[in-house]
Each structure stands twice: as C-alpha cells, then as structure tokens.
Amino acid sequence: MTDYKNEKLNYQFFDLQGKLLSSGSITSQQTEINTSTLASATYFVHIMNQENIKVQSFKIIKK
C-alpha cells in the first residue's frame, strides 16, 4: 500500500466464492501473504481499518 501511515490495519483474504482463507495484521507498507498452498485462481484481499471498514481492495490472480 502506497499510503500506509502506521495505521492499525488488517487484511482479509478471500476466494471467489467469498470464503475467508486468511486474515491478519498489516505491520508495514509491504506485508506478505503466503499463497504457496493455494491453487491457481483469482482471490481478493480487503484492507480493513480499526473500525472494520473496508478502505481498499485488491484482486490477486495466482497462476
């Protein structure tokens, strides 16, 4: 995230069916999500603020 300002943010990682696959805290401008065990598919990452409001979303295509 380019505009990360040490806010308390969390991520939620979903598959196309909306199943929550993982979640966690964002600790820096670059946070890794391990996808090595996931199949090739399209996924979504939602960035949530302290009030659990979505502030940004990303579409991830794993090949």
PDB file of N, CA and C in Angstrom:
ATOM      1  N   MET A   1       0.844  -1.181   0.000  1.00  0.00           N
ATOM      2  CA  MET A   1       0.000   0.000   0.000  1.00  0.00           C
ATOM      3  C   MET A   1       0.882   1.234   0.000  1.00  0.00           C
ATOM      4  N   THR A   2       0.616   2.118  -0.873  1.00  0.00           N
ATOM      5  CA  THR A   2       1.476   3.288  -1.013  1.00  0.00           C
ATOM      6  C   THR A   2       1.206   4.359   0.043  1.00  0.00           C
ATOM      7  N   ASP A   3      -0.011   4.398   0.587  1.00  0.00           N
ATOM      8  CA  ASP A   3      -0.335   5.459   1.541  1.00  0.00           C
ATOM      9  C   ASP A   3      -0.473   4.934   2.974  1.00  0.00           C
ATOM     10  N   TYR A   4       0.278   3.906   3.311  1.00  0.00           N
ATOM     11  CA  TYR A   4       0.275   3.341   4.666  1.00  0.00           C
ATOM     12  C   TYR A   4       0.933   4.330   5.617  1.00  0.00           C
ATOM     13  N   LYS A   5       0.250   4.666   6.723  1.00  0.00           N
ATOM     14  CA  LYS A   5       0.757   5.696   7.643  1.00  0.00           C
ATOM     15  C   LYS A   5       0.801   5.174   9.078  1.00  0.00           C
ATOM     16  N   ASN A   6       1.284   3.944   9.273  1.00  0.00           N
ATOM     17  CA  ASN A   6       1.346   3.322  10.597  1.00  0.00           C
ATOM     18  C   ASN A   6      -0.022   3.216  11.261  1.00  0.00           C
ATOM     19  N   GLU A   7      -1.067   3.158  10.450  1.00  0.00           N
ATOM     20  CA  GLU A   7      -2.414   2.953  10.982  1.00  0.00           C
ATOM     21  C   GLU A   7      -2.559   1.489  11.389  1.00  0.00           C
ATOM     22  N   LYS A   8      -3.523   1.219  12.254  1.00  0.00           N
ATOM     23  CA  LYS A   8      -3.811  -0.163  12.605  1.00  0.00           C
ATOM     24  C   LYS A   8      -4.750  -0.721  11.545  1.00  0.00           C
ATOM     25  N   LEU A   9      -4.182  -1.487  10.612  1.00  0.00           N
ATOM     26  CA  LEU A   9      -4.953  -2.062   9.522  1.00  0.00           C
ATOM     27  C   LEU A   9      -4.851  -3.584   9.575  1.00  0.00           C
ATOM     28  N   ASN A  10      -5.877  -4.225   9.045  1.00  0.00           N
ATOM     29  CA  ASN A  10      -5.895  -5.680   8.929  1.00  0.00           C
ATOM     30  C   ASN A  10      -6.242  -6.041   7.500  1.00  0.00           C
ATOM     31  N   TYR A  11      -5.891  -7.272   7.110  1.00  0.00           N
ATOM     32  CA  TYR A  11      -6.290  -7.753   5.796  1.00  0.00           C
ATOM     33  C   TYR A  11      -7.175  -8.976   5.957  1.00  0.00           C
ATOM     34  N   GLN A  12      -8.025  -9.185   4.955  1.00  0.00           N
ATOM     35  CA  GLN A  12      -8.836 -10.388   4.848  1.00  0.00           C
ATOM     36  C   GLN A  12      -8.648 -10.905   3.436  1.00  0.00           C
ATOM     37  N   PHE A  13      -8.329 -12.199   3.325  1.00  0.00           N
ATOM     38  CA  PHE A  13      -8.000 -12.826   2.047  1.00  0.00           C
ATOM     39  C   PHE A  13      -9.100 -13.826   1.698  1.00  0.00           C
ATOM     40  N   PHE A  14      -9.785 -13.612   0.564  1.00  0.00           N
ATOM     41  CA  PHE A  14     -10.951 -14.407   0.180  1.00  0.00           C
ATOM     42  C   PHE A  14     -10.748 -15.109  -1.158  1.00  0.00           C
ATOM     43  N   ASP A  15     -11.461 -16.246  -1.350  1.00  0.00           N
ATOM     44  CA  ASP A  15     -11.519 -16.855  -2.671  1.00  0.00           C
ATOM     45  C   ASP A  15     -12.713 -16.256  -3.415  1.00  0.00           C
ATOM     46  N   LEU A  16     -12.945 -16.709  -4.660  1.00  0.00           N
ATOM     47  CA  LEU A  16     -14.023 -16.152  -5.475  1.00  0.00           C
ATOM     48  C   LEU A  16     -15.409 -16.424  -4.904  1.00  0.00           C
ATOM     49  N   GLN A  17     -15.558 -17.478  -4.119  1.00  0.00           N
ATOM     50  CA  GLN A  17     -16.845 -17.796  -3.522  1.00  0.00           C
ATOM     51  C   GLN A  17     -17.114 -16.992  -2.247  1.00  0.00           C
ATOM     52  N   GLY A  18     -16.153 -16.162  -1.841  1.00  0.00           N
ATOM     53  CA  GLY A  18     -16.315 -15.343  -0.654  1.00  0.00           C
ATOM     54  C   GLY A  18     -15.876 -16.014   0.628  1.00  0.00           C
ATOM     55  N   LYS A  19     -15.225 -17.176   0.509  1.00  0.00           N
ATOM     56  CA  LYS A  19     -14.736 -17.885   1.696  1.00  0.00           C
ATOM     57  C   LYS A  19     -13.475 -17.202   2.212  1.00  0.00           C
ATOM     58  N   LEU A  20     -13.480 -16.867   3.501  1.00  0.00           N
ATOM     59  CA  LEU A  20     -12.305 -16.249   4.121  1.00  0.00           C
ATOM     60  C   LEU A  20     -11.215 -17.306   4.259  1.00  0.00           C
ATOM     61  N   LEU A  21     -10.067 -17.082   3.613  1.00  0.00           N
ATOM     62  CA  LEU A  21      -8.963 -18.036   3.639  1.00  0.00           C
ATOM     63  C   LEU A  21      -7.937 -17.693   4.707  1.00  0.00           C
ATOM     64  N   SER A  22      -7.705 -16.414   4.921  1.00  0.00           N
ATOM     65  CA  SER A  22      -6.784 -15.982   5.973  1.00  0.00           C
ATOM     66  C   SER A  22      -7.033 -14.519   6.288  1.00  0.00           C
ATOM     67  N   SER A  23      -6.517 -14.117   7.435  1.00  0.00           N
ATOM     68  CA  SER A  23      -6.603 -12.711   7.831  1.00  0.00           C
ATOM     69  C   SER A  23      -5.443 -12.431   8.765  1.00  0.00           C
ATOM     70  N   GLY A  24      -5.135 -11.159   8.919  1.00  0.00           N
ATOM     71  CA  GLY A  24      -4.035 -10.801   9.797  1.00  0.00           C
ATOM     72  C   GLY A  24      -3.822  -9.313   9.844  1.00  0.00           C
ATOM     73  N   SER A  25      -2.810  -8.922  10.577  1.00  0.00           N
ATOM     74  CA  SER A  25      -2.468  -7.507  10.732  1.00  0.00           C
ATOM     75  C   SER A  25      -1.497  -7.075   9.649  1.00  0.00           C
ATOM     76  N   ILE A  26      -1.615  -5.829   9.248  1.00  0.00           N
ATOM     77  CA  ILE A  26      -0.658  -5.227   8.325  1.00  0.00           C
ATOM     78  C   ILE A  26       0.336  -4.477   9.198  1.00  0.00           C
ATOM     79  N   THR A  27       1.592  -4.870   9.097  1.00  0.00           N
ATOM     80  CA  THR A  27       2.602  -4.333  10.003  1.00  0.00           C
ATOM     81  C   THR A  27       3.550  -3.346   9.339  1.00  0.00           C
ATOM     82  N   SER A  28       3.481  -3.217   8.026  1.00  0.00           N
ATOM     83  CA  SER A  28       4.350  -2.281   7.312  1.00  0.00           C
ATOM     84  C   SER A  28       3.750  -1.999   5.940  1.00  0.00           C
ATOM     85  N   GLN A  29       4.444  -1.174   5.165  1.00  0.00           N
ATOM     86  CA  GLN A  29       3.953  -0.833   3.824  1.00  0.00           C
ATOM     87  C   GLN A  29       3.852  -2.068   2.947  1.00  0.00           C
ATOM     88  N   GLN A  30       4.701  -3.074   3.176  1.00  0.00           N
ATOM     89  CA  GLN A  30       4.657  -4.331   2.431  1.00  0.00           C
ATOM     90  C   GLN A  30       4.427  -5.473   3.414  1.00  0.00           C
ATOM     91  N   THR A  31       3.333  -6.184   3.239  1.00  0.00           N
ATOM     92  CA  THR A  31       3.004  -7.324   4.077  1.00  0.00           C
ATOM     93  C   THR A  31       2.796  -8.527   3.169  1.00  0.00           C
ATOM     94  N   GLU A  32       3.477  -9.631   3.451  1.00  0.00           N
ATOM     95  CA  GLU A  32       3.361 -10.832   2.630  1.00  0.00           C
ATOM     96  C   GLU A  32       2.236 -11.722   3.122  1.00  0.00           C
ATOM     97  N   ILE A  33       1.521 -12.293   2.168  1.00  0.00           N
ATOM     98  CA  ILE A  33       0.509 -13.304   2.446  1.00  0.00           C
ATOM     99  C   ILE A  33       0.962 -14.571   1.735  1.00  0.00           C
ATOM    100  N   ASN A  34       1.168 -15.632   2.481  1.00  0.00           N
ATOM    101  CA  ASN A  34       1.648 -16.882   1.900  1.00  0.00           C
ATOM    102  C   ASN A  34       0.533 -17.540   1.096  1.00  0.00           C
ATOM    103  N   THR A  35       0.762 -17.690  -0.210  1.00  0.00           N
ATOM    104  CA  THR A  35      -0.215 -18.320  -1.091  1.00  0.00           C
ATOM    105  C   THR A  35       0.329 -19.601  -1.710  1.00  0.00           C
ATOM    106  N   SER A  36       1.426 -20.113  -1.185  1.00  0.00           N
ATOM    107  CA  SER A  36       2.091 -21.270  -1.799  1.00  0.00           C
ATOM    108  C   SER A  36       1.220 -22.526  -1.819  1.00  0.00           C
ATOM    109  N   THR A  37       0.302 -22.664  -0.886  1.00  0.00           N
ATOM    110  CA  THR A  37      -0.537 -23.865  -0.839  1.00  0.00           C
ATOM    111  C   THR A  37      -1.861 -23.686  -1.578  1.00  0.00           C
ATOM    112  N   LEU A  38      -2.088 -22.512  -2.141  1.00  0.00           N
ATOM    113  CA  LEU A  38      -3.350 -22.243  -2.824  1.00  0.00           C
ATOM    114  C   LEU A  38      -3.277 -22.595  -4.297  1.00  0.00           C
ATOM    115  N   ALA A  39      -4.404 -23.000  -4.853  1.00  0.00           N
ATOM    116  CA  ALA A  39      -4.494 -23.333  -6.277  1.00  0.00           C
ATOM    117  C   ALA A  39      -4.419 -22.069  -7.129  1.00  0.00           C
ATOM    118  N   SER A  40      -4.101 -22.257  -8.396  1.00  0.00           N
ATOM    119  CA  SER A  40      -4.131 -21.147  -9.343  1.00  0.00           C
ATOM    120  C   SER A  40      -5.577 -20.691  -9.489  1.00  0.00           C
ATOM    121  N   ALA A  41      -5.822 -19.442  -9.171  1.00  0.00           N
ATOM    122  CA  ALA A  41      -7.187 -18.908  -9.202  1.00  0.00           C
ATOM    123  C   ALA A  41      -7.139 -17.408  -8.959  1.00  0.00           C
ATOM    124  N   THR A  42      -8.305 -16.796  -8.895  1.00  0.00           N
ATOM    125  CA  THR A  42      -8.436 -15.382  -8.571  1.00  0.00           C
ATOM    126  C   THR A  42      -8.862 -15.260  -7.114  1.00  0.00           C
ATOM    127  N   TYR A  43      -8.240 -14.329  -6.415  1.00  0.00           N
ATOM    128  CA  TYR A  43      -8.511 -14.101  -4.992  1.00  0.00           C
ATOM    129  C   TYR A  43      -8.705 -12.606  -4.757  1.00  0.00           C
ATOM    130  N   PHE A  44      -9.262 -12.273  -3.613  1.00  0.00           N
ATOM    131  CA  PHE A  44      -9.460 -10.876  -3.242  1.00  0.00           C
ATOM    132  C   PHE A  44      -8.867 -10.615  -1.865  1.00  0.00           C
ATOM    133  N   VAL A  45      -8.249  -9.448  -1.722  1.00  0.00           N
ATOM    134  CA  VAL A  45      -7.729  -9.000  -0.437  1.00  0.00           C
ATOM    135  C   VAL A  45      -8.438  -7.703  -0.093  1.00  0.00           C
ATOM    136  N   HIS A  46      -9.041  -7.662   1.088  1.00  0.00           N
ATOM    137  CA  HIS A  46      -9.690  -6.450   1.582  1.00  0.00           C
ATOM    138  C   HIS A  46      -8.855  -5.909   2.735  1.00  0.00           C
ATOM    139  N   ILE A  47      -8.592  -4.617   2.701  1.00  0.00           N
ATOM    140  CA  ILE A  47      -7.866  -3.928   3.768  1.00  0.00           C
ATOM    141  C   ILE A  47      -8.898  -3.219   4.633  1.00  0.00           C
ATOM    142  N   MET A  48      -8.850  -3.521   5.933  1.00  0.00           N
ATOM    143  CA  MET A  48      -9.837  -3.001   6.871  1.00  0.00           C
ATOM    144  C   MET A  48      -9.154  -2.096   7.901  1.00  0.00           C
ATOM    145  N   ASN A  49      -9.837  -1.010   8.294  1.00  0.00           N
ATOM    146  CA  ASN A  49      -9.286  -0.127   9.323  1.00  0.00           C
ATOM    147  C   ASN A  49      -9.719  -0.600  10.716  1.00  0.00           C
ATOM    148  N   GLN A  50      -9.403   0.167  11.740  1.00  0.00           N
ATOM    149  CA  GLN A  50      -9.717  -0.193  13.127  1.00  0.00           C
ATOM    150  C   GLN A  50     -11.207  -0.384  13.368  1.00  0.00           C
ATOM    151  N   GLU A  51     -12.033   0.349  12.643  1.00  0.00           N
ATOM    152  CA  GLU A  51     -13.480   0.254  12.800  1.00  0.00           C
ATOM    153  C   GLU A  51     -14.071  -0.861  11.940  1.00  0.00           C
ATOM    154  N   ASN A  52     -13.209  -1.681  11.346  1.00  0.00           N
ATOM    155  CA  ASN A  52     -13.600  -2.797  10.482  1.00  0.00           C
ATOM    156  C   ASN A  52     -14.326  -2.321   9.221  1.00  0.00           C
ATOM    157  N   ILE A  53     -13.925  -1.152   8.733  1.00  0.00           N
ATOM    158  CA  ILE A  53     -14.451  -0.596   7.488  1.00  0.00           C
ATOM    159  C   ILE A  53     -13.424  -0.844   6.387  1.00  0.00           C
ATOM    160  N   LYS A  54     -13.908  -1.344   5.247  1.00  0.00           N
ATOM    161  CA  LYS A  54     -13.020  -1.631   4.122  1.00  0.00           C
ATOM    162  C   LYS A  54     -12.477  -0.321   3.560  1.00  0.00           C
ATOM    163  N   VAL A  55     -11.138  -0.193   3.505  1.00  0.00           N
ATOM    164  CA  VAL A  55     -10.526   1.023   2.981  1.00  0.00           C
ATOM    165  C   VAL A  55      -9.892   0.807   1.612  1.00  0.00           C
ATOM    166  N   GLN A  56      -9.623  -0.455   1.261  1.00  0.00           N
ATOM    167  CA  GLN A  56      -9.040  -0.743  -0.043  1.00  0.00           C
ATOM    168  C   GLN A  56      -9.229  -2.219  -0.353  1.00  0.00           C
ATOM    169  N   SER A  57      -9.329  -2.546  -1.634  1.00  0.00           N
ATOM    170  CA  SER A  57      -9.446  -3.939  -2.073  1.00  0.00           C
ATOM    171  C   SER A  57      -8.506  -4.189  -3.235  1.00  0.00           C
ATOM    172  N   PHE A  58      -8.040  -5.428  -3.320  1.00  0.00           N
ATOM    173  CA  PHE A  58      -7.152  -5.830  -4.392  1.00  0.00           C
ATOM    174  C   PHE A  58      -7.637  -7.154  -4.965  1.00  0.00           C
ATOM    175  N   LYS A  59      -7.506  -7.307  -6.269  1.00  0.00           N
ATOM    176  CA  LYS A  59      -7.751  -8.599  -6.899  1.00  0.00           C
ATOM    177  C   LYS A  59      -6.405  -9.233  -7.183  1.00  0.00           C
ATOM    178  N   ILE A  60      -6.221 -10.480  -6.759  1.00  0.00           N
ATOM    179  CA  ILE A  60      -4.971 -11.212  -6.938  1.00  0.00           C
ATOM    180  C   ILE A  60      -5.237 -12.376  -7.885  1.00  0.00           C
ATOM    181  N   ILE A  61      -4.439 -12.499  -8.925  1.00  0.00           N
ATOM    182  CA  ILE A  61      -4.545 -13.633  -9.832  1.00  0.00           C
ATOM    183  C   ILE A  61      -3.303 -14.467  -9.674  1.00  0.00           C
ATOM    184  N   LYS A  62      -3.469 -15.676  -9.147  1.00  0.00           N
ATOM    185  CA  LYS A  62      -2.347 -16.584  -8.955  1.00  0.00           C
ATOM    186  C   LYS A  62      -2.314 -17.549 -10.132  1.00  0.00           C
ATOM    187  N   LYS A  63      -1.154 -17.615 -10.776  1.00  0.00           N
ATOM    188  CA  LYS A  63      -1.009 -18.501 -11.939  1.00  0.00           C
ATOM    189  C   LYS A  63      -0.225 -19.725 -11.584  1.00  0.00           C
TER     190      LYS A  63
END
